[in-house]
Every structure is written in structure tokens, then in C-alpha cells.
All heavy atoms as atom14 arrays in JSON, in Angstrom:
{
  "sequence": "RGAHITTDMVTVTGTENFLMAAALAEGETVLENAAQEPEIPDLAEMLI",
  "atom14_mask": [
    [1, 1, 1, 1, 1, 1, 1, 1, 1, 1, 1, 0, 0, 0],
    [1, 1, 1, 1, 0, 0, 0, 0, 0, 0, 0, 0, 0, 0],
    [1, 1, 1, 1, 1, 0, 0, 0, 0, 0, 0, 0, 0, 0],
    [1, 1, 1, 1, 1, 1, 1, 1, 1, 1, 0, 0, 0, 0],
    [1, 1, 1, 1, 1, 1, 1, 1, 0, 0, 0, 0, 0, 0],
    [1, 1, 1, 1, 1, 1, 1, 0, 0, 0, 0, 0, 0, 0],
    [1, 1, 1, 1, 1, 1, 1, 0, 0, 0, 0, 0, 0, 0],
    [1, 1, 1, 1, 1, 1, 1, 1, 0, 0, 0, 0, 0, 0],
    [1, 1, 1, 1, 1, 1, 1, 1, 0, 0, 0, 0, 0, 0],
    [1, 1, 1, 1, 1, 1, 1, 0, 0, 0, 0, 0, 0, 0],
    [1, 1, 1, 1, 1, 1, 1, 0, 0, 0, 0, 0, 0, 0],
    [1, 1, 1, 1, 1, 1, 1, 0, 0, 0, 0, 0, 0, 0],
    [1, 1, 1, 1, 1, 1, 1, 0, 0, 0, 0, 0, 0, 0],
    [1, 1, 1, 1, 0, 0, 0, 0, 0, 0, 0, 0, 0, 0],
    [1, 1, 1, 1, 1, 1, 1, 0, 0, 0, 0, 0, 0, 0],
    [1, 1, 1, 1, 1, 1, 1, 1, 1, 0, 0, 0, 0, 0],
    [1, 1, 1, 1, 1, 1, 1, 1, 0, 0, 0, 0, 0, 0],
    [1, 1, 1, 1, 1, 1, 1, 1, 1, 1, 1, 0, 0, 0],
    [1, 1, 1, 1, 1, 1, 1, 1, 0, 0, 0, 0, 0, 0],
    [1, 1, 1, 1, 1, 1, 1, 1, 0, 0, 0, 0, 0, 0],
    [1, 1, 1, 1, 1, 0, 0, 0, 0, 0, 0, 0, 0, 0],
    [1, 1, 1, 1, 1, 0, 0, 0, 0, 0, 0, 0, 0, 0],
    [1, 1, 1, 1, 1, 0, 0, 0, 0, 0, 0, 0, 0, 0],
    [1, 1, 1, 1, 1, 1, 1, 1, 0, 0, 0, 0, 0, 0],
    [1, 1, 1, 1, 1, 0, 0, 0, 0, 0, 0, 0, 0, 0],
    [1, 1, 1, 1, 1, 1, 1, 1, 1, 0, 0, 0, 0, 0],
    [1, 1, 1, 1, 0, 0, 0, 0, 0, 0, 0, 0, 0, 0],
    [1, 1, 1, 1, 1, 1, 1, 1, 1, 0, 0, 0, 0, 0],
    [1, 1, 1, 1, 1, 1, 1, 0, 0, 0, 0, 0, 0, 0],
    [1, 1, 1, 1, 1, 1, 1, 0, 0, 0, 0, 0, 0, 0],
    [1, 1, 1, 1, 1, 1, 1, 1, 0, 0, 0, 0, 0, 0],
    [1, 1, 1, 1, 1, 1, 1, 1, 1, 0, 0, 0, 0, 0],
    [1, 1, 1, 1, 1, 1, 1, 1, 0, 0, 0, 0, 0, 0],
    [1, 1, 1, 1, 1, 0, 0, 0, 0, 0, 0, 0, 0, 0],
    [1, 1, 1, 1, 1, 0, 0, 0, 0, 0, 0, 0, 0, 0],
    [1, 1, 1, 1, 1, 1, 1, 1, 1, 0, 0, 0, 0, 0],
    [1, 1, 1, 1, 1, 1, 1, 1, 1, 0, 0, 0, 0, 0],
    [1, 1, 1, 1, 1, 1, 1, 0, 0, 0, 0, 0, 0, 0],
    [1, 1, 1, 1, 1, 1, 1, 1, 1, 0, 0, 0, 0, 0],
    [1, 1, 1, 1, 1, 1, 1, 1, 0, 0, 0, 0, 0, 0],
    [1, 1, 1, 1, 1, 1, 1, 0, 0, 0, 0, 0, 0, 0],
    [1, 1, 1, 1, 1, 1, 1, 1, 0, 0, 0, 0, 0, 0],
    [1, 1, 1, 1, 1, 1, 1, 1, 0, 0, 0, 0, 0, 0],
    [1, 1, 1, 1, 1, 0, 0, 0, 0, 0, 0, 0, 0, 0],
    [1, 1, 1, 1, 1, 1, 1, 1, 1, 0, 0, 0, 0, 0],
    [1, 1, 1, 1, 1, 1, 1, 1, 0, 0, 0, 0, 0, 0],
    [1, 1, 1, 1, 1, 1, 1, 1, 0, 0, 0, 0, 0, 0],
    [1, 1, 1, 1, 1, 1, 1, 1, 0, 0, 0, 0, 0, 0]
  ],
  "atom14_positions": [
    [[56.11, -10.29, 44.76], [55.43, -11.6, 44.9], [54.52, -11.59, 46.13], [54.78, -10.89, 47.12], [56.45, -12.74, 45.0], [57.45, -12.61, 46.12], [58.3, -13.84, 46.31], [59.06, -13.69, 47.53], [60.31, -13.22, 47.61], [60.94, -12.88, 46.51], [60.91, -13.11, 48.78], [0.0, 0.0, 0.0], [0.0, 0.0, 0.0], [0.0, 0.0, 0.0]],
    [[53.47, -12.38, 46.03], [52.51, -12.46, 47.14], [53.2, -12.95, 48.41], [54.21, -13.63, 48.37], [0.0, 0.0, 0.0], [0.0, 0.0, 0.0], [0.0, 0.0, 0.0], [0.0, 0.0, 0.0], [0.0, 0.0, 0.0], [0.0, 0.0, 0.0], [0.0, 0.0, 0.0], [0.0, 0.0, 0.0], [0.0, 0.0, 0.0], [0.0, 0.0, 0.0]],
    [[52.65, -12.55, 49.56], [53.26, -12.95, 50.84], [52.18, -12.98, 51.9], [51.08, -12.45, 51.73], [54.35, -11.96, 51.24], [0.0, 0.0, 0.0], [0.0, 0.0, 0.0], [0.0, 0.0, 0.0], [0.0, 0.0, 0.0], [0.0, 0.0, 0.0], [0.0, 0.0, 0.0], [0.0, 0.0, 0.0], [0.0, 0.0, 0.0], [0.0, 0.0, 0.0]],
    [[52.51, -13.59, 53.01], [51.64, -13.61, 54.19], [52.17, -12.51, 55.11], [53.27, -12.62, 55.64], [51.74, -14.99, 54.86], [50.51, -15.33, 55.64], [49.64, -16.31, 55.3], [49.95, -14.73, 56.73], [48.65, -16.33, 56.19], [48.81, -15.4, 57.05], [0.0, 0.0, 0.0], [0.0, 0.0, 0.0], [0.0, 0.0, 0.0], [0.0, 0.0, 0.0]],
    [[51.43, -11.45, 55.31], [51.94, -10.31, 56.1], [51.1, -10.15, 57.36], [49.88, -9.96, 57.28], [51.9, -9.0, 55.28], [52.76, -9.14, 54.01], [52.38, -7.82, 56.12], [52.63, -7.97, 53.05], [0.0, 0.0, 0.0], [0.0, 0.0, 0.0], [0.0, 0.0, 0.0], [0.0, 0.0, 0.0], [0.0, 0.0, 0.0], [0.0, 0.0, 0.0]],
    [[51.76, -10.24, 58.51], [51.09, -9.94, 59.78], [51.83, -8.76, 60.41], [53.0, -8.89, 60.78], [51.15, -11.15, 60.75], [50.64, -12.3, 60.05], [50.33, -10.9, 61.99], [0.0, 0.0, 0.0], [0.0, 0.0, 0.0], [0.0, 0.0, 0.0], [0.0, 0.0, 0.0], [0.0, 0.0, 0.0], [0.0, 0.0, 0.0], [0.0, 0.0, 0.0]],
    [[51.18, -7.62, 60.51], [51.86, -6.45, 61.07], [51.86, -6.54, 62.6], [50.99, -7.15, 63.21], [51.17, -5.14, 60.65], [49.76, -5.28, 60.91], [51.38, -4.84, 59.2], [0.0, 0.0, 0.0], [0.0, 0.0, 0.0], [0.0, 0.0, 0.0], [0.0, 0.0, 0.0], [0.0, 0.0, 0.0], [0.0, 0.0, 0.0], [0.0, 0.0, 0.0]],
    [[52.87, -5.87, 63.2], [53.0, -5.88, 64.67], [51.87, -5.09, 65.33], [51.59, -5.24, 66.5], [54.33, -5.24, 65.11], [55.52, -5.94, 64.5], [55.36, -7.1, 64.12], [56.6, -5.33, 64.39], [0.0, 0.0, 0.0], [0.0, 0.0, 0.0], [0.0, 0.0, 0.0], [0.0, 0.0, 0.0], [0.0, 0.0, 0.0], [0.0, 0.0, 0.0]],
    [[51.33, -4.17, 64.59], [50.24, -3.33, 65.11], [49.26, -3.09, 63.97], [49.6, -3.31, 62.8], [50.82, -1.99, 65.62], [51.63, -1.33, 64.49], [52.75, -0.11, 65.07], [51.92, 1.34, 64.7], [0.0, 0.0, 0.0], [0.0, 0.0, 0.0], [0.0, 0.0, 0.0], [0.0, 0.0, 0.0], [0.0, 0.0, 0.0], [0.0, 0.0, 0.0]],
    [[48.06, -2.65, 64.3], [47.1, -2.34, 63.25], [47.52, -1.01, 62.62], [47.65, 0.0, 63.31], [45.66, -2.23, 63.83], [44.7, -1.78, 62.75], [45.22, -3.56, 64.41], [0.0, 0.0, 0.0], [0.0, 0.0, 0.0], [0.0, 0.0, 0.0], [0.0, 0.0, 0.0], [0.0, 0.0, 0.0], [0.0, 0.0, 0.0], [0.0, 0.0, 0.0]],
    [[47.78, -1.01, 61.34], [48.19, 0.23, 60.67], [47.31, 0.46, 59.44], [47.25, -0.4, 58.55], [49.69, 0.21, 60.28], [49.91, 1.13, 59.19], [50.22, -1.13, 59.86], [0.0, 0.0, 0.0], [0.0, 0.0, 0.0], [0.0, 0.0, 0.0], [0.0, 0.0, 0.0], [0.0, 0.0, 0.0], [0.0, 0.0, 0.0], [0.0, 0.0, 0.0]],
    [[46.65, 1.63, 59.43], [45.73, 1.93, 58.33], [46.52, 2.14, 57.04], [46.28, 1.48, 56.03], [44.86, 3.16, 58.66], [44.0, 3.54, 57.45], [43.97, 2.88, 59.86], [0.0, 0.0, 0.0], [0.0, 0.0, 0.0], [0.0, 0.0, 0.0], [0.0, 0.0, 0.0], [0.0, 0.0, 0.0], [0.0, 0.0, 0.0], [0.0, 0.0, 0.0]],
    [[47.51, 3.04, 57.09], [48.26, 3.32, 55.85], [49.06, 2.09, 55.42], [49.24, 1.84, 54.22], [49.2, 4.53, 56.02], [49.97, 4.36, 57.19], [48.44, 5.83, 56.07], [0.0, 0.0, 0.0], [0.0, 0.0, 0.0], [0.0, 0.0, 0.0], [0.0, 0.0, 0.0], [0.0, 0.0, 0.0], [0.0, 0.0, 0.0], [0.0, 0.0, 0.0]],
    [[49.52, 1.29, 56.4], [50.23, 0.05, 56.06], [49.31, -0.89, 55.28], [49.67, -1.41, 54.21], [0.0, 0.0, 0.0], [0.0, 0.0, 0.0], [0.0, 0.0, 0.0], [0.0, 0.0, 0.0], [0.0, 0.0, 0.0], [0.0, 0.0, 0.0], [0.0, 0.0, 0.0], [0.0, 0.0, 0.0], [0.0, 0.0, 0.0], [0.0, 0.0, 0.0]],
    [[48.1, -1.11, 55.81], [47.13, -1.98, 55.14], [46.87, -1.48, 53.72], [46.81, -2.25, 52.77], [45.81, -2.05, 55.95], [46.09, -2.49, 57.29], [44.8, -2.98, 55.31], [0.0, 0.0, 0.0], [0.0, 0.0, 0.0], [0.0, 0.0, 0.0], [0.0, 0.0, 0.0], [0.0, 0.0, 0.0], [0.0, 0.0, 0.0], [0.0, 0.0, 0.0]],
    [[46.73, -0.16, 53.58], [46.45, 0.43, 52.25], [47.62, 0.22, 51.28], [47.43, -0.14, 50.12], [46.14, 1.93, 52.41], [44.8, 2.15, 53.1], [44.59, 3.56, 53.62], [45.56, 4.34, 53.76], [43.42, 3.89, 53.93], [0.0, 0.0, 0.0], [0.0, 0.0, 0.0], [0.0, 0.0, 0.0], [0.0, 0.0, 0.0], [0.0, 0.0, 0.0]],
    [[48.83, 0.43, 51.8], [50.01, 0.25, 50.96], [50.12, -1.19, 50.45], [50.39, -1.45, 49.29], [51.27, 0.62, 51.76], [52.09, 1.7, 51.06], [52.02, 1.89, 49.84], [52.9, 2.39, 51.84], [0.0, 0.0, 0.0], [0.0, 0.0, 0.0], [0.0, 0.0, 0.0], [0.0, 0.0, 0.0], [0.0, 0.0, 0.0], [0.0, 0.0, 0.0]],
    [[49.89, -2.14, 51.38], [50.0, -3.57, 51.01], [48.88, -3.96, 50.03], [49.1, -4.77, 49.13], [49.96, -4.47, 52.25], [50.99, -4.12, 53.29], [50.71, -4.26, 54.65], [52.22, -3.62, 52.93], [51.65, -3.91, 55.62], [53.18, -3.27, 53.89], [52.88, -3.42, 55.23], [0.0, 0.0, 0.0], [0.0, 0.0, 0.0], [0.0, 0.0, 0.0]],
    [[47.69, -3.41, 50.26], [46.57, -3.7, 49.35], [46.93, -3.32, 47.92], [46.73, -4.08, 46.97], [45.34, -2.87, 49.75], [44.2, -3.52, 50.51], [43.1, -2.51, 50.75], [43.62, -4.7, 49.75], [0.0, 0.0, 0.0], [0.0, 0.0, 0.0], [0.0, 0.0, 0.0], [0.0, 0.0, 0.0], [0.0, 0.0, 0.0], [0.0, 0.0, 0.0]],
    [[47.47, -2.1, 47.79], [47.79, -1.59, 46.44], [48.94, -2.38, 45.82], [48.9, -2.75, 44.64], [48.13, -0.09, 46.52], [46.92, 0.76, 46.89], [47.2, 2.54, 46.78], [48.02, 2.89, 48.32], [0.0, 0.0, 0.0], [0.0, 0.0, 0.0], [0.0, 0.0, 0.0], [0.0, 0.0, 0.0], [0.0, 0.0, 0.0], [0.0, 0.0, 0.0]],
    [[49.96, -2.67, 46.64], [51.11, -3.41, 46.12], [50.7, -4.83, 45.71], [51.1, -5.34, 44.66], [52.2, -3.47, 47.18], [0.0, 0.0, 0.0], [0.0, 0.0, 0.0], [0.0, 0.0, 0.0], [0.0, 0.0, 0.0], [0.0, 0.0, 0.0], [0.0, 0.0, 0.0], [0.0, 0.0, 0.0], [0.0, 0.0, 0.0], [0.0, 0.0, 0.0]],
    [[49.85, -5.46, 46.54], [49.47, -6.86, 46.3], [48.59, -7.02, 45.07], [48.57, -8.08, 44.45], [48.74, -7.41, 47.53], [0.0, 0.0, 0.0], [0.0, 0.0, 0.0], [0.0, 0.0, 0.0], [0.0, 0.0, 0.0], [0.0, 0.0, 0.0], [0.0, 0.0, 0.0], [0.0, 0.0, 0.0], [0.0, 0.0, 0.0], [0.0, 0.0, 0.0]],
    [[47.87, -5.93, 44.72], [46.94, -6.02, 43.57], [47.69, -6.4, 42.29], [47.15, -7.09, 41.43], [46.21, -4.69, 43.39], [0.0, 0.0, 0.0], [0.0, 0.0, 0.0], [0.0, 0.0, 0.0], [0.0, 0.0, 0.0], [0.0, 0.0, 0.0], [0.0, 0.0, 0.0], [0.0, 0.0, 0.0], [0.0, 0.0, 0.0], [0.0, 0.0, 0.0]],
    [[48.97, -5.95, 42.18], [49.76, -6.26, 40.97], [50.85, -7.3, 41.24], [51.68, -7.56, 40.35], [50.4, -4.97, 40.42], [49.47, -3.97, 39.71], [50.27, -2.75, 39.25], [48.77, -4.58, 38.5], [0.0, 0.0, 0.0], [0.0, 0.0, 0.0], [0.0, 0.0, 0.0], [0.0, 0.0, 0.0], [0.0, 0.0, 0.0], [0.0, 0.0, 0.0]],
    [[50.89, -7.87, 42.45], [51.96, -8.83, 42.77], [51.65, -10.19, 42.14], [50.53, -10.48, 41.73], [52.09, -8.97, 44.29], [0.0, 0.0, 0.0], [0.0, 0.0, 0.0], [0.0, 0.0, 0.0], [0.0, 0.0, 0.0], [0.0, 0.0, 0.0], [0.0, 0.0, 0.0], [0.0, 0.0, 0.0], [0.0, 0.0, 0.0], [0.0, 0.0, 0.0]],
    [[52.67, -11.01, 42.14], [52.52, -12.37, 41.59], [51.99, -13.29, 42.71], [52.61, -13.39, 43.76], [53.91, -12.86, 41.15], [53.91, -13.73, 39.92], [55.34, -13.96, 39.45], [56.03, -13.01, 39.06], [55.74, -15.08, 39.53], [0.0, 0.0, 0.0], [0.0, 0.0, 0.0], [0.0, 0.0, 0.0], [0.0, 0.0, 0.0], [0.0, 0.0, 0.0]],
    [[50.86, -13.96, 42.48], [50.35, -14.9, 43.49], [49.48, -14.23, 44.53], [49.02, -13.09, 44.37], [0.0, 0.0, 0.0], [0.0, 0.0, 0.0], [0.0, 0.0, 0.0], [0.0, 0.0, 0.0], [0.0, 0.0, 0.0], [0.0, 0.0, 0.0], [0.0, 0.0, 0.0], [0.0, 0.0, 0.0], [0.0, 0.0, 0.0], [0.0, 0.0, 0.0]],
    [[49.29, -14.92, 45.65], [48.34, -14.5, 46.67], [49.04, -13.78, 47.83], [50.08, -14.21, 48.29], [47.59, -15.73, 47.23], [46.56, -15.37, 48.31], [45.82, -16.56, 48.88], [46.42, -17.33, 49.67], [44.64, -16.71, 48.57], [0.0, 0.0, 0.0], [0.0, 0.0, 0.0], [0.0, 0.0, 0.0], [0.0, 0.0, 0.0], [0.0, 0.0, 0.0]],
    [[48.41, -12.71, 48.28], [48.87, -12.03, 49.49], [47.76, -12.13, 50.52], [46.59, -11.89, 50.21], [49.2, -10.54, 49.21], [50.22, -10.49, 48.21], [49.69, -9.83, 50.46], [0.0, 0.0, 0.0], [0.0, 0.0, 0.0], [0.0, 0.0, 0.0], [0.0, 0.0, 0.0], [0.0, 0.0, 0.0], [0.0, 0.0, 0.0], [0.0, 0.0, 0.0]],
    [[48.14, -12.47, 51.75], [47.17, -12.48, 52.86], [47.63, -11.45, 53.89], [48.77, -11.48, 54.36], [47.08, -13.88, 53.52], [46.08, -13.86, 54.67], [46.69, -14.94, 52.47], [0.0, 0.0, 0.0], [0.0, 0.0, 0.0], [0.0, 0.0, 0.0], [0.0, 0.0, 0.0], [0.0, 0.0, 0.0], [0.0, 0.0, 0.0], [0.0, 0.0, 0.0]],
    [[46.73, -10.52, 54.22], [47.04, -9.5, 55.23], [46.32, -9.88, 56.53], [45.09, -9.91, 56.58], [46.58, -8.11, 54.77], [47.11, -7.6, 53.43], [46.54, -6.21, 53.14], [48.61, -7.57, 53.4], [0.0, 0.0, 0.0], [0.0, 0.0, 0.0], [0.0, 0.0, 0.0], [0.0, 0.0, 0.0], [0.0, 0.0, 0.0], [0.0, 0.0, 0.0]],
    [[47.09, -10.19, 57.55], [46.53, -10.47, 58.88], [46.65, -9.2, 59.73], [47.57, -8.4, 59.54], [47.31, -11.61, 59.56], [47.29, -12.92, 58.8], [46.2, -13.88, 59.19], [45.26, -13.46, 59.91], [46.29, -15.06, 58.77], [0.0, 0.0, 0.0], [0.0, 0.0, 0.0], [0.0, 0.0, 0.0], [0.0, 0.0, 0.0], [0.0, 0.0, 0.0]],
    [[45.74, -9.07, 60.72], [45.76, -7.89, 61.59], [45.54, -6.61, 60.77], [46.08, -5.54, 61.09], [47.09, -7.8, 62.37], [46.97, -6.98, 63.65], [45.87, -6.81, 64.15], [48.07, -6.45, 64.17], [0.0, 0.0, 0.0], [0.0, 0.0, 0.0], [0.0, 0.0, 0.0], [0.0, 0.0, 0.0], [0.0, 0.0, 0.0], [0.0, 0.0, 0.0]],
    [[44.79, -6.75, 59.67], [44.54, -5.61, 58.78], [43.64, -4.59, 59.47], [42.8, -4.94, 60.3], [43.87, -6.09, 57.49], [0.0, 0.0, 0.0], [0.0, 0.0, 0.0], [0.0, 0.0, 0.0], [0.0, 0.0, 0.0], [0.0, 0.0, 0.0], [0.0, 0.0, 0.0], [0.0, 0.0, 0.0], [0.0, 0.0, 0.0], [0.0, 0.0, 0.0]],
    [[43.82, -3.32, 59.11], [42.93, -2.26, 59.63], [41.54, -2.44, 59.01], [41.4, -2.93, 57.88], [43.5, -0.89, 59.28], [0.0, 0.0, 0.0], [0.0, 0.0, 0.0], [0.0, 0.0, 0.0], [0.0, 0.0, 0.0], [0.0, 0.0, 0.0], [0.0, 0.0, 0.0], [0.0, 0.0, 0.0], [0.0, 0.0, 0.0], [0.0, 0.0, 0.0]],
    [[40.5, -2.0, 59.75], [39.12, -2.22, 59.29], [38.35, -0.93, 59.07], [37.14, -0.94, 58.82], [38.38, -3.09, 60.31], [39.01, -4.46, 60.49], [38.38, -5.28, 61.59], [37.17, -5.44, 61.63], [39.17, -5.84, 62.49], [0.0, 0.0, 0.0], [0.0, 0.0, 0.0], [0.0, 0.0, 0.0], [0.0, 0.0, 0.0], [0.0, 0.0, 0.0]],
    [[39.05, 0.2, 59.2], [38.37, 1.49, 59.01], [37.61, 1.53, 57.68], [38.08, 0.93, 56.7], [39.41, 2.62, 59.04], [39.8, 3.1, 60.42], [40.65, 2.2, 61.23], [40.95, 1.08, 60.78], [41.02, 2.59, 62.34], [0.0, 0.0, 0.0], [0.0, 0.0, 0.0], [0.0, 0.0, 0.0], [0.0, 0.0, 0.0], [0.0, 0.0, 0.0]],
    [[36.5, 2.28, 57.59], [35.69, 2.29, 56.36], [36.47, 2.73, 55.12], [36.09, 2.41, 53.99], [34.58, 3.31, 56.68], [34.5, 3.33, 58.16], [35.86, 3.06, 58.67], [0.0, 0.0, 0.0], [0.0, 0.0, 0.0], [0.0, 0.0, 0.0], [0.0, 0.0, 0.0], [0.0, 0.0, 0.0], [0.0, 0.0, 0.0], [0.0, 0.0, 0.0]],
    [[37.56, 3.48, 55.33], [38.34, 3.94, 54.19], [39.06, 2.77, 53.49], [39.41, 2.85, 52.31], [39.37, 4.99, 54.63], [38.74, 6.27, 55.16], [38.23, 6.23, 56.59], [38.67, 5.33, 57.34], [37.4, 7.06, 56.95], [0.0, 0.0, 0.0], [0.0, 0.0, 0.0], [0.0, 0.0, 0.0], [0.0, 0.0, 0.0], [0.0, 0.0, 0.0]],
    [[39.29, 1.67, 54.23], [39.97, 0.49, 53.66], [39.06, -0.22, 52.64], [39.45, -0.41, 51.49], [40.45, -0.49, 54.76], [41.37, 0.22, 55.75], [41.09, -1.75, 54.15], [42.76, 0.3, 55.52], [0.0, 0.0, 0.0], [0.0, 0.0, 0.0], [0.0, 0.0, 0.0], [0.0, 0.0, 0.0], [0.0, 0.0, 0.0], [0.0, 0.0, 0.0]],
    [[37.83, -0.63, 53.04], [36.94, -1.22, 52.04], [36.65, -0.28, 50.87], [36.46, -0.74, 49.74], [35.65, -1.54, 52.82], [35.9, -1.23, 54.22], [37.26, -0.72, 54.4], [0.0, 0.0, 0.0], [0.0, 0.0, 0.0], [0.0, 0.0, 0.0], [0.0, 0.0, 0.0], [0.0, 0.0, 0.0], [0.0, 0.0, 0.0], [0.0, 0.0, 0.0]],
    [[36.66, 1.03, 51.14], [36.42, 1.97, 50.03], [37.54, 1.9, 49.0], [37.3, 1.86, 47.79], [36.25, 3.41, 50.57], [35.61, 4.32, 49.53], [34.49, 3.99, 49.08], [36.19, 5.36, 49.18], [0.0, 0.0, 0.0], [0.0, 0.0, 0.0], [0.0, 0.0, 0.0], [0.0, 0.0, 0.0], [0.0, 0.0, 0.0], [0.0, 0.0, 0.0]],
    [[38.8, 1.85, 49.5], [39.95, 1.71, 48.59], [39.87, 0.35, 47.88], [40.09, 0.26, 46.66], [41.26, 1.82, 49.38], [42.55, 1.44, 48.64], [42.82, 2.42, 47.48], [43.76, 1.42, 49.58], [0.0, 0.0, 0.0], [0.0, 0.0, 0.0], [0.0, 0.0, 0.0], [0.0, 0.0, 0.0], [0.0, 0.0, 0.0], [0.0, 0.0, 0.0]],
    [[39.53, -0.71, 48.64], [39.44, -2.05, 48.04], [38.4, -2.06, 46.92], [38.63, -2.65, 45.84], [39.11, -3.08, 49.11], [0.0, 0.0, 0.0], [0.0, 0.0, 0.0], [0.0, 0.0, 0.0], [0.0, 0.0, 0.0], [0.0, 0.0, 0.0], [0.0, 0.0, 0.0], [0.0, 0.0, 0.0], [0.0, 0.0, 0.0], [0.0, 0.0, 0.0]],
    [[37.26, -1.39, 47.15], [36.2, -1.36, 46.12], [36.7, -0.65, 44.86], [36.37, -1.04, 43.74], [34.93, -0.67, 46.65], [34.19, -1.49, 47.72], [33.69, -2.85, 47.22], [33.42, -2.98, 46.03], [33.61, -3.79, 48.02], [0.0, 0.0, 0.0], [0.0, 0.0, 0.0], [0.0, 0.0, 0.0], [0.0, 0.0, 0.0], [0.0, 0.0, 0.0]],
    [[37.49, 0.41, 45.05], [38.06, 1.1, 43.89], [39.01, 0.16, 43.13], [38.97, 0.08, 41.9], [38.81, 2.36, 44.35], [39.58, 3.03, 43.24], [40.53, 4.44, 43.86], [41.54, 4.83, 42.39], [0.0, 0.0, 0.0], [0.0, 0.0, 0.0], [0.0, 0.0, 0.0], [0.0, 0.0, 0.0], [0.0, 0.0, 0.0], [0.0, 0.0, 0.0]],
    [[39.86, -0.56, 43.88], [40.82, -1.47, 43.24], [40.07, -2.59, 42.5], [40.47, -3.0, 41.4], [41.79, -2.05, 44.27], [42.75, -1.04, 44.93], [43.48, -1.67, 46.11], [43.78, -0.51, 43.91], [0.0, 0.0, 0.0], [0.0, 0.0, 0.0], [0.0, 0.0, 0.0], [0.0, 0.0, 0.0], [0.0, 0.0, 0.0], [0.0, 0.0, 0.0]],
    [[38.98, -3.09, 43.11], [38.18, -4.14, 42.46], [37.58, -3.6, 41.15], [37.56, -4.29, 40.13], [37.08, -4.66, 43.43], [37.76, -5.46, 44.56], [36.04, -5.5, 42.71], [36.85, -5.75, 45.75], [0.0, 0.0, 0.0], [0.0, 0.0, 0.0], [0.0, 0.0, 0.0], [0.0, 0.0, 0.0], [0.0, 0.0, 0.0], [0.0, 0.0, 0.0]]
  ]
}
């Protein structure tokens, strides 16, 4: 299920894992303190 996730630190692989999991979750997920490396939007574009 969707959740509001704020990580204690900026984590690239964490952000990626949550992105992938949230794509099929029920409802809305909000990731705060998400990593911003270019590889993240690239993965997001693939998921879109």
C-alpha cells in the first residue's frame, strides 16, 4: 500500500527500490528526501 516515506539519509538505491515498489502499490506513495541523481529520473521515465 502507498505510504509517506522520509528516509533518514539520501539513498539512491533506496529511492529506486521505493519507486519500483510504489508503481504497483495500492494508492499514493510520497518519497521525501529522495535522491536526485540523473539515474533516478531515467528509471522513472522507464517506469512511466
